[in-house]
Amino acid sequence: MSERKPPQHLSESAAAVWVYTVSRHNSPDDILGPELDAYCVVVARARDAAKRIDDEGAVVNDERGNAVEHPAFAIERKAQAAIKAWGDRFAP
């Protein structure tokens, strides 16, 4: 069996999630398609948001200098909700 390659339109980080997910799934042919691609993008987005929060801090200053929750938290929460909704479909 040849090694499957992720779709070219995925970012490097989403492609890494794609390879990981496909390589560990019991029936990879059953999960290939646009939903898997979207799932991988969302996982990569959640990881990126978490890294930004880690790098920049949970609290940042807004345009007026007020301390506010880092905007990446909203991205992370939305991504985590999507991961939770799709997660079972792509679990090994």
PDB file of N, CA and C in Angstrom:
ATOM      1  N   MET A   1       0.849  -1.180   0.000  1.00  0.00           N
ATOM      2  CA  MET A   1       0.000   0.000   0.000  1.00  0.00           C
ATOM      3  C   MET A   1       0.894   1.242   0.000  1.00  0.00           C
ATOM      4  N   SER A   2       0.584   2.179  -0.875  1.00  0.00           N
ATOM      5  CA  SER A   2       1.379   3.400  -0.936  1.00  0.00           C
ATOM      6  C   SER A   2       0.961   4.362   0.168  1.00  0.00           C
ATOM      7  N   GLU A   3       1.897   5.201   0.534  1.00  0.00           N
ATOM      8  CA  GLU A   3       1.619   6.184   1.581  1.00  0.00           C
ATOM      9  C   GLU A   3       0.668   7.253   1.043  1.00  0.00           C
ATOM     10  N   ARG A   4      -0.358   7.520   1.795  1.00  0.00           N
ATOM     11  CA  ARG A   4      -1.313   8.561   1.391  1.00  0.00           C
ATOM     12  C   ARG A   4      -0.703   9.932   1.636  1.00  0.00           C
ATOM     13  N   LYS A   5      -1.024  10.850   0.765  1.00  0.00           N
ATOM     14  CA  LYS A   5      -0.524  12.222   0.890  1.00  0.00           C
ATOM     15  C   LYS A   5      -1.702  13.156   1.143  1.00  0.00           C
ATOM     16  N   PRO A   6      -1.502  14.139   2.018  1.00  0.00           N
ATOM     17  CA  PRO A   6      -2.589  15.086   2.301  1.00  0.00           C
ATOM     18  C   PRO A   6      -2.863  15.975   1.091  1.00  0.00           C
ATOM     19  N   PRO A   7      -4.057  16.513   1.004  1.00  0.00           N
ATOM     20  CA  PRO A   7      -4.377  17.441  -0.086  1.00  0.00           C
ATOM     21  C   PRO A   7      -3.436  18.647  -0.059  1.00  0.00           C
ATOM     22  N   GLN A   8      -3.091  19.130  -1.230  1.00  0.00           N
ATOM     23  CA  GLN A   8      -2.137  20.234  -1.338  1.00  0.00           C
ATOM     24  C   GLN A   8      -2.675  21.544  -0.778  1.00  0.00           C
ATOM     25  N   HIS A   9      -3.979  21.687  -0.697  1.00  0.00           N
ATOM     26  CA  HIS A   9      -4.541  22.955  -0.219  1.00  0.00           C
ATOM     27  C   HIS A   9      -4.420  23.129   1.293  1.00  0.00           C
ATOM     28  N   LEU A  10      -4.071  22.068   2.013  1.00  0.00           N
ATOM     29  CA  LEU A  10      -3.933  22.176   3.469  1.00  0.00           C
ATOM     30  C   LEU A  10      -2.618  22.866   3.830  1.00  0.00           C
ATOM     31  N   SER A  11      -2.662  23.644   4.901  1.00  0.00           N
ATOM     32  CA  SER A  11      -1.430  24.246   5.419  1.00  0.00           C
ATOM     33  C   SER A  11      -0.517  23.136   5.930  1.00  0.00           C
ATOM     34  N   GLU A  12       0.718  23.483   6.196  1.00  0.00           N
ATOM     35  CA  GLU A  12       1.664  22.493   6.709  1.00  0.00           C
ATOM     36  C   GLU A  12       1.167  21.874   8.014  1.00  0.00           C
ATOM     37  N   SER A  13       0.651  22.689   8.911  1.00  0.00           N
ATOM     38  CA  SER A  13       0.189  22.162  10.201  1.00  0.00           C
ATOM     39  C   SER A  13      -1.076  21.321  10.037  1.00  0.00           C
ATOM     40  N   ALA A  14      -1.996  21.729   9.172  1.00  0.00           N
ATOM     41  CA  ALA A  14      -3.203  20.932   8.928  1.00  0.00           C
ATOM     42  C   ALA A  14      -2.844  19.628   8.218  1.00  0.00           C
ATOM     43  N   ALA A  15      -1.872  19.682   7.318  1.00  0.00           N
ATOM     44  CA  ALA A  15      -1.425  18.472   6.627  1.00  0.00           C
ATOM     45  C   ALA A  15      -0.819  17.477   7.611  1.00  0.00           C
ATOM     46  N   ALA A  16      -0.102  17.970   8.601  1.00  0.00           N
ATOM     47  CA  ALA A  16       0.470  17.083   9.623  1.00  0.00           C
ATOM     48  C   ALA A  16      -0.633  16.394  10.414  1.00  0.00           C
ATOM     49  N   VAL A  17      -1.699  17.112  10.730  1.00  0.00           N
ATOM     50  CA  VAL A  17      -2.848  16.512  11.422  1.00  0.00           C
ATOM     51  C   VAL A  17      -3.488  15.466  10.518  1.00  0.00           C
ATOM     52  N   TRP A  18      -3.615  15.766   9.236  1.00  0.00           N
ATOM     53  CA  TRP A  18      -4.196  14.842   8.261  1.00  0.00           C
ATOM     54  C   TRP A  18      -3.405  13.535   8.224  1.00  0.00           C
ATOM     55  N   VAL A  19      -2.085  13.633   8.097  1.00  0.00           N
ATOM     56  CA  VAL A  19      -1.231  12.444   8.045  1.00  0.00           C
ATOM     57  C   VAL A  19      -1.383  11.632   9.329  1.00  0.00           C
ATOM     58  N   TYR A  20      -1.343  12.301  10.459  1.00  0.00           N
ATOM     59  CA  TYR A  20      -1.484  11.625  11.752  1.00  0.00           C
ATOM     60  C   TYR A  20      -2.827  10.903  11.843  1.00  0.00           C
ATOM     61  N   THR A  21      -3.903  11.593  11.494  1.00  0.00           N
ATOM     62  CA  THR A  21      -5.246  11.034  11.614  1.00  0.00           C
ATOM     63  C   THR A  21      -5.432   9.848  10.679  1.00  0.00           C
ATOM     64  N   VAL A  22      -5.046  10.002   9.432  1.00  0.00           N
ATOM     65  CA  VAL A  22      -5.215   8.934   8.438  1.00  0.00           C
ATOM     66  C   VAL A  22      -4.350   7.726   8.790  1.00  0.00           C
ATOM     67  N   SER A  23      -3.127   7.956   9.242  1.00  0.00           N
ATOM     68  CA  SER A  23      -2.217   6.843   9.531  1.00  0.00           C
ATOM     69  C   SER A  23      -2.661   6.017  10.734  1.00  0.00           C
ATOM     70  N   ARG A  24      -3.485   6.584  11.594  1.00  0.00           N
ATOM     71  CA  ARG A  24      -3.903   5.868  12.797  1.00  0.00           C
ATOM     72  C   ARG A  24      -5.339   5.356  12.745  1.00  0.00           C
ATOM     73  N   HIS A  25      -6.053   5.680  11.689  1.00  0.00           N
ATOM     74  CA  HIS A  25      -7.456   5.268  11.600  1.00  0.00           C
ATOM     75  C   HIS A  25      -7.552   3.834  11.090  1.00  0.00           C
ATOM     76  N   ASN A  26      -8.504   3.072  11.642  1.00  0.00           N
ATOM     77  CA  ASN A  26      -8.692   1.674  11.247  1.00  0.00           C
ATOM     78  C   ASN A  26      -9.188   1.534   9.813  1.00  0.00           C
ATOM     79  N   SER A  27      -9.965   2.484   9.345  1.00  0.00           N
ATOM     80  CA  SER A  27     -10.524   2.456   7.987  1.00  0.00           C
ATOM     81  C   SER A  27     -10.305   3.814   7.321  1.00  0.00           C
ATOM     82  N   PRO A  28      -9.066   4.134   6.987  1.00  0.00           N
ATOM     83  CA  PRO A  28      -8.787   5.481   6.483  1.00  0.00           C
ATOM     84  C   PRO A  28      -9.574   5.855   5.232  1.00  0.00           C
ATOM     85  N   ASP A  29      -9.855   4.890   4.360  1.00  0.00           N
ATOM     86  CA  ASP A  29     -10.609   5.217   3.145  1.00  0.00           C
ATOM     87  C   ASP A  29     -12.003   5.736   3.471  1.00  0.00           C
ATOM     88  N   ASP A  30     -12.527   5.348   4.620  1.00  0.00           N
ATOM     89  CA  ASP A  30     -13.876   5.774   5.016  1.00  0.00           C
ATOM     90  C   ASP A  30     -13.927   7.220   5.512  1.00  0.00           C
ATOM     91  N   ILE A  31     -12.784   7.797   5.833  1.00  0.00           N
ATOM     92  CA  ILE A  31     -12.799   9.157   6.396  1.00  0.00           C
ATOM     93  C   ILE A  31     -12.244  10.218   5.454  1.00  0.00           C
ATOM     94  N   LEU A  32     -11.693   9.802   4.323  1.00  0.00           N
ATOM     95  CA  LEU A  32     -11.107  10.768   3.391  1.00  0.00           C
ATOM     96  C   LEU A  32     -12.182  11.662   2.795  1.00  0.00           C
ATOM     97  N   GLY A  33     -11.858  12.922   2.634  1.00  0.00           N
ATOM     98  CA  GLY A  33     -12.799  13.844   2.008  1.00  0.00           C
ATOM     99  C   GLY A  33     -12.798  15.205   2.669  1.00  0.00           C
ATOM    100  N   PRO A  34     -13.737  16.053   2.256  1.00  0.00           N
ATOM    101  CA  PRO A  34     -13.756  17.435   2.736  1.00  0.00           C
ATOM    102  C   PRO A  34     -13.976  17.578   4.239  1.00  0.00           C
ATOM    103  N   GLU A  35     -14.733  16.666   4.850  1.00  0.00           N
ATOM    104  CA  GLU A  35     -14.934  16.770   6.305  1.00  0.00           C
ATOM    105  C   GLU A  35     -13.624  16.536   7.044  1.00  0.00           C
ATOM    106  N   LEU A  36     -12.841  15.561   6.600  1.00  0.00           N
ATOM    107  CA  LEU A  36     -11.533  15.323   7.219  1.00  0.00           C
ATOM    108  C   LEU A  36     -10.636  16.541   7.026  1.00  0.00           C
ATOM    109  N   ASP A  37     -10.646  17.097   5.833  1.00  0.00           N
ATOM    110  CA  ASP A  37      -9.832  18.289   5.576  1.00  0.00           C
ATOM    111  C   ASP A  37     -10.219  19.417   6.530  1.00  0.00           C
ATOM    112  N   ALA A  38     -11.517  19.640   6.682  1.00  0.00           N
ATOM    113  CA  ALA A  38     -11.999  20.703   7.575  1.00  0.00           C
ATOM    114  C   ALA A  38     -11.607  20.416   9.021  1.00  0.00           C
ATOM    115  N   TYR A  39     -11.741  19.169   9.440  1.00  0.00           N
ATOM    116  CA  TYR A  39     -11.352  18.768  10.794  1.00  0.00           C
ATOM    117  C   TYR A  39      -9.869  19.084  11.031  1.00  0.00           C
ATOM    118  N   CYS A  40      -9.023  18.752  10.071  1.00  0.00           N
ATOM    119  CA  CYS A  40      -7.587  18.988  10.214  1.00  0.00           C
ATOM    120  C   CYS A  40      -7.269  20.478  10.298  1.00  0.00           C
ATOM    121  N   VAL A  41      -7.966  21.278   9.513  1.00  0.00           N
ATOM    122  CA  VAL A  41      -7.785  22.732   9.569  1.00  0.00           C
ATOM    123  C   VAL A  41      -8.158  23.250  10.955  1.00  0.00           C
ATOM    124  N   VAL A  42      -9.254  22.744  11.500  1.00  0.00           N
ATOM    125  CA  VAL A  42      -9.725  23.210  12.804  1.00  0.00           C
ATOM    126  C   VAL A  42      -8.762  22.790  13.914  1.00  0.00           C
ATOM    127  N   VAL A  43      -8.242  21.565  13.853  1.00  0.00           N
ATOM    128  CA  VAL A  43      -7.260  21.131  14.851  1.00  0.00           C
ATOM    129  C   VAL A  43      -6.018  22.019  14.769  1.00  0.00           C
ATOM    130  N   ALA A  44      -5.548  22.277  13.569  1.00  0.00           N
ATOM    131  CA  ALA A  44      -4.379  23.150  13.399  1.00  0.00           C
ATOM    132  C   ALA A  44      -4.671  24.558  13.914  1.00  0.00           C
ATOM    133  N   ARG A  45      -5.870  25.041  13.660  1.00  0.00           N
ATOM    134  CA  ARG A  45      -6.252  26.384  14.118  1.00  0.00           C
ATOM    135  C   ARG A  45      -6.285  26.436  15.651  1.00  0.00           C
ATOM    136  N   ALA A  46      -6.821  25.405  16.286  1.00  0.00           N
ATOM    137  CA  ALA A  46      -6.854  25.365  17.753  1.00  0.00           C
ATOM    138  C   ALA A  46      -5.437  25.368  18.319  1.00  0.00           C
ATOM    139  N   ARG A  47      -4.568  24.601  17.700  1.00  0.00           N
ATOM    140  CA  ARG A  47      -3.174  24.556  18.164  1.00  0.00           C
ATOM    141  C   ARG A  47      -2.486  25.906  17.981  1.00  0.00           C
ATOM    142  N   ASP A  48      -2.744  26.552  16.850  1.00  0.00           N
ATOM    143  CA  ASP A  48      -2.155  27.867  16.595  1.00  0.00           C
ATOM    144  C   ASP A  48      -2.652  28.890  17.615  1.00  0.00           C
ATOM    145  N   ALA A  49      -3.946  28.863  17.896  1.00  0.00           N
ATOM    146  CA  ALA A  49      -4.505  29.798  18.880  1.00  0.00           C
ATOM    147  C   ALA A  49      -3.888  29.553  20.257  1.00  0.00           C
ATOM    148  N   ALA A  50      -3.769  28.291  20.640  1.00  0.00           N
ATOM    149  CA  ALA A  50      -3.177  27.962  21.939  1.00  0.00           C
ATOM    150  C   ALA A  50      -1.727  28.439  22.012  1.00  0.00           C
ATOM    151  N   LYS A  51      -0.989  28.271  20.923  1.00  0.00           N
ATOM    152  CA  LYS A  51       0.406  28.729  20.908  1.00  0.00           C
ATOM    153  C   LYS A  51       0.486  30.249  21.022  1.00  0.00           C
ATOM    154  N   ARG A  52      -0.395  30.947  20.332  1.00  0.00           N
ATOM    155  CA  ARG A  52      -0.393  32.420  20.429  1.00  0.00           C
ATOM    156  C   ARG A  52      -0.668  32.861  21.860  1.00  0.00           C
ATOM    157  N   ILE A  53      -1.616  32.196  22.515  1.00  0.00           N
ATOM    158  CA  ILE A  53      -1.928  32.528  23.907  1.00  0.00           C
ATOM    159  C   ILE A  53      -0.718  32.239  24.791  1.00  0.00           C
ATOM    160  N   ASP A  54      -0.086  31.085  24.569  1.00  0.00           N
ATOM    161  CA  ASP A  54       1.109  30.743  25.346  1.00  0.00           C
ATOM    162  C   ASP A  54       2.230  31.759  25.127  1.00  0.00           C
ATOM    163  N   ASP A  55       2.425  32.152  23.872  1.00  0.00           N
ATOM    164  CA  ASP A  55       3.516  33.078  23.538  1.00  0.00           C
ATOM    165  C   ASP A  55       3.246  34.512  23.989  1.00  0.00           C
ATOM    166  N   GLU A  56       1.998  34.952  23.856  1.00  0.00           N
ATOM    167  CA  GLU A  56       1.663  36.359  24.087  1.00  0.00           C
ATOM    168  C   GLU A  56       0.980  36.620  25.423  1.00  0.00           C
ATOM    169  N   GLY A  57       0.549  35.551  26.087  1.00  0.00           N
ATOM    170  CA  GLY A  57      -0.126  35.694  27.366  1.00  0.00           C
ATOM    171  C   GLY A  57      -1.635  35.643  27.232  1.00  0.00           C
ATOM    172  N   ALA A  58      -2.290  35.235  28.298  1.00  0.00           N
ATOM    173  CA  ALA A  58      -3.745  35.104  28.306  1.00  0.00           C
ATOM    174  C   ALA A  58      -4.439  36.460  28.317  1.00  0.00           C
ATOM    175  N   VAL A  59      -3.745  37.449  28.817  1.00  0.00           N
ATOM    176  CA  VAL A  59      -4.300  38.803  28.889  1.00  0.00           C
ATOM    177  C   VAL A  59      -3.417  39.715  28.042  1.00  0.00           C
ATOM    178  N   VAL A  60      -4.066  40.493  27.177  1.00  0.00           N
ATOM    179  CA  VAL A  60      -3.355  41.448  26.317  1.00  0.00           C
ATOM    180  C   VAL A  60      -4.024  42.809  26.455  1.00  0.00           C
ATOM    181  N   ASN A  61      -3.389  43.821  25.939  1.00  0.00           N
ATOM    182  CA  ASN A  61      -3.973  45.161  25.967  1.00  0.00           C
ATOM    183  C   ASN A  61      -4.730  45.428  24.676  1.00  0.00           C
ATOM    184  N   ASP A  62      -5.920  46.012  24.814  1.00  0.00           N
ATOM    185  CA  ASP A  62      -6.674  46.404  23.626  1.00  0.00           C
ATOM    186  C   ASP A  62      -6.128  47.724  23.096  1.00  0.00           C
ATOM    187  N   GLU A  63      -6.790  48.281  22.080  1.00  0.00           N
ATOM    188  CA  GLU A  63      -6.295  49.512  21.451  1.00  0.00           C
ATOM    189  C   GLU A  63      -6.272  50.708  22.400  1.00  0.00           C
ATOM    190  N   ARG A  64      -7.006  50.622  23.496  1.00  0.00           N
ATOM    191  CA  ARG A  64      -7.016  51.712  24.491  1.00  0.00           C
ATOM    192  C   ARG A  64      -6.097  51.434  25.675  1.00  0.00           C
ATOM    193  N   GLY A  65      -5.421  50.305  25.617  1.00  0.00           N
ATOM    194  CA  GLY A  65      -4.505  49.962  26.695  1.00  0.00           C
ATOM    195  C   GLY A  65      -5.142  49.204  27.839  1.00  0.00           C
ATOM    196  N   ASN A  66      -6.408  48.830  27.687  1.00  0.00           N
ATOM    197  CA  ASN A  66      -7.094  48.067  28.725  1.00  0.00           C
ATOM    198  C   ASN A  66      -6.729  46.589  28.623  1.00  0.00           C
ATOM    199  N   ALA A  67      -6.563  45.961  29.771  1.00  0.00           N
ATOM    200  CA  ALA A  67      -6.273  44.530  29.797  1.00  0.00           C
ATOM    201  C   ALA A  67      -7.539  43.753  29.435  1.00  0.00           C
ATOM    202  N   VAL A  68      -7.408  42.865  28.451  1.00  0.00           N
ATOM    203  CA  VAL A  68      -8.535  42.039  28.001  1.00  0.00           C
ATOM    204  C   VAL A  68      -8.047  40.618  27.742  1.00  0.00           C
ATOM    205  N   GLU A  69      -8.994  39.702  27.720  1.00  0.00           N
ATOM    206  CA  GLU A  69      -8.677  38.325  27.360  1.00  0.00           C
ATOM    207  C   GLU A  69      -8.117  38.306  25.932  1.00  0.00           C
ATOM    208  N   HIS A  70      -7.104  37.496  25.711  1.00  0.00           N
ATOM    209  CA  HIS A  70      -6.507  37.392  24.378  1.00  0.00           C
ATOM    210  C   HIS A  70      -7.586  36.965  23.380  1.00  0.00           C
ATOM    211  N   PRO A  71      -7.696  37.643  22.244  1.00  0.00           N
ATOM    212  CA  PRO A  71      -8.712  37.291  21.244  1.00  0.00           C
ATOM    213  C   PRO A  71      -8.585  35.860  20.719  1.00  0.00           C
ATOM    214  N   ALA A  72      -7.412  35.266  20.829  1.00  0.00           N
ATOM    215  CA  ALA A  72      -7.228  33.895  20.355  1.00  0.00           C
ATOM    216  C   ALA A  72      -8.049  32.897  21.163  1.00  0.00           C
ATOM    217  N   PHE A  73      -8.479  33.284  22.379  1.00  0.00           N
ATOM    218  CA  PHE A  73      -9.344  32.388  23.148  1.00  0.00           C
ATOM    219  C   PHE A  73     -10.643  32.101  22.403  1.00  0.00           C
ATOM    220  N   ALA A  74     -11.209  33.100  21.745  1.00  0.00           N
ATOM    221  CA  ALA A  74     -12.452  32.899  20.989  1.00  0.00           C
ATOM    222  C   ALA A  74     -12.223  31.925  19.839  1.00  0.00           C
ATOM    223  N   ILE A  75     -11.108  32.067  19.157  1.00  0.00           N
ATOM    224  CA  ILE A  75     -10.770  31.151  18.065  1.00  0.00           C
ATOM    225  C   ILE A  75     -10.592  29.742  18.610  1.00  0.00           C
ATOM    226  N   GLU A  76      -9.882  29.634  19.722  1.00  0.00           N
ATOM    227  CA  GLU A  76      -9.628  28.332  20.327  1.00  0.00           C
ATOM    228  C   GLU A  76     -10.932  27.662  20.754  1.00  0.00           C
ATOM    229  N   ARG A  77     -11.838  28.413  21.372  1.00  0.00           N
ATOM    230  CA  ARG A  77     -13.116  27.839  21.818  1.00  0.00           C
ATOM    231  C   ARG A  77     -13.942  27.329  20.643  1.00  0.00           C
ATOM    232  N   LYS A  78     -14.026  28.121  19.576  1.00  0.00           N
ATOM    233  CA  LYS A  78     -14.787  27.692  18.394  1.00  0.00           C
ATOM    234  C   LYS A  78     -14.167  26.447  17.769  1.00  0.00           C
ATOM    235  N   ALA A  79     -12.860  26.432  17.689  1.00  0.00           N
ATOM    236  CA  ALA A  79     -12.173  25.277  17.116  1.00  0.00           C
ATOM    237  C   ALA A  79     -12.386  24.036  17.976  1.00  0.00           C
ATOM    238  N   GLN A  80     -12.311  24.197  19.289  1.00  0.00           N
ATOM    239  CA  GLN A  80     -12.514  23.056  20.179  1.00  0.00           C
ATOM    240  C   GLN A  80     -13.928  22.504  20.076  1.00  0.00           C
ATOM    241  N   ALA A  81     -14.909  23.369  19.886  1.00  0.00           N
ATOM    242  CA  ALA A  81     -16.291  22.906  19.714  1.00  0.00           C
ATOM    243  C   ALA A  81     -16.421  22.080  18.435  1.00  0.00           C
ATOM    244  N   ALA A  82     -15.779  22.531  17.371  1.00  0.00           N
ATOM    245  CA  ALA A  82     -15.818  21.778  16.115  1.00  0.00           C
ATOM    246  C   ALA A  82     -15.083  20.448  16.254  1.00  0.00           C
ATOM    247  N   ILE A  83     -13.958  20.454  16.938  1.00  0.00           N
ATOM    248  CA  ILE A  83     -13.204  19.214  17.164  1.00  0.00           C
ATOM    249  C   ILE A  83     -14.059  18.226  17.941  1.00  0.00           C
ATOM    250  N   LYS A  84     -14.734  18.709  18.957  1.00  0.00           N
ATOM    251  CA  LYS A  84     -15.600  17.845  19.759  1.00  0.00           C
ATOM    252  C   LYS A  84     -16.721  17.260  18.901  1.00  0.00           C
ATOM    253  N   ALA A  85     -17.281  18.064  18.020  1.00  0.00           N
ATOM    254  CA  ALA A  85     -18.376  17.594  17.162  1.00  0.00           C
ATOM    255  C   ALA A  85     -17.901  16.537  16.166  1.00  0.00           C
ATOM    256  N   TRP A  86     -16.692  16.680  15.637  1.00  0.00           N
ATOM    257  CA  TRP A  86     -16.176  15.760  14.629  1.00  0.00           C
ATOM    258  C   TRP A  86     -15.270  14.672  15.184  1.00  0.00           C
ATOM    259  N   GLY A  87     -14.781  14.846  16.369  1.00  0.00           N
ATOM    260  CA  GLY A  87     -13.736  13.981  16.902  1.00  0.00           C
ATOM    261  C   GLY A  87     -14.000  12.497  16.811  1.00  0.00           C
ATOM    262  N   ASP A  88     -15.195  12.059  17.166  1.00  0.00           N
ATOM    263  CA  ASP A  88     -15.493  10.626  17.147  1.00  0.00           C
ATOM    264  C   ASP A  88     -15.411  10.053  15.736  1.00  0.00           C
ATOM    265  N   ARG A  89     -15.779  10.848  14.757  1.00  0.00           N
ATOM    266  CA  ARG A  89     -15.752  10.372  13.365  1.00  0.00           C
ATOM    267  C   ARG A  89     -14.331  10.037  12.920  1.00  0.00           C
ATOM    268  N   PHE A  90     -13.358  10.744  13.446  1.00  0.00           N
ATOM    269  CA  PHE A  90     -11.986  10.562  12.984  1.00  0.00           C
ATOM    270  C   PHE A  90     -11.089   9.853  13.997  1.00  0.00           C
ATOM    271  N   ALA A  91     -11.669   9.391  15.089  1.00  0.00           N
ATOM    272  CA  ALA A  91     -10.894   8.650  16.089  1.00  0.00           C
ATOM    273  C   ALA A  91     -10.509   7.280  15.524  1.00  0.00           C
ATOM    274  N   PRO A  92      -9.341   6.777  15.897  1.00  0.00           N
ATOM    275  CA  PRO A  92      -8.915   5.444  15.402  1.00  0.00           C
ATOM    276  C   PRO A  92      -9.880   4.344  15.795  1.00  0.00           C
TER     277      PRO A  92
END
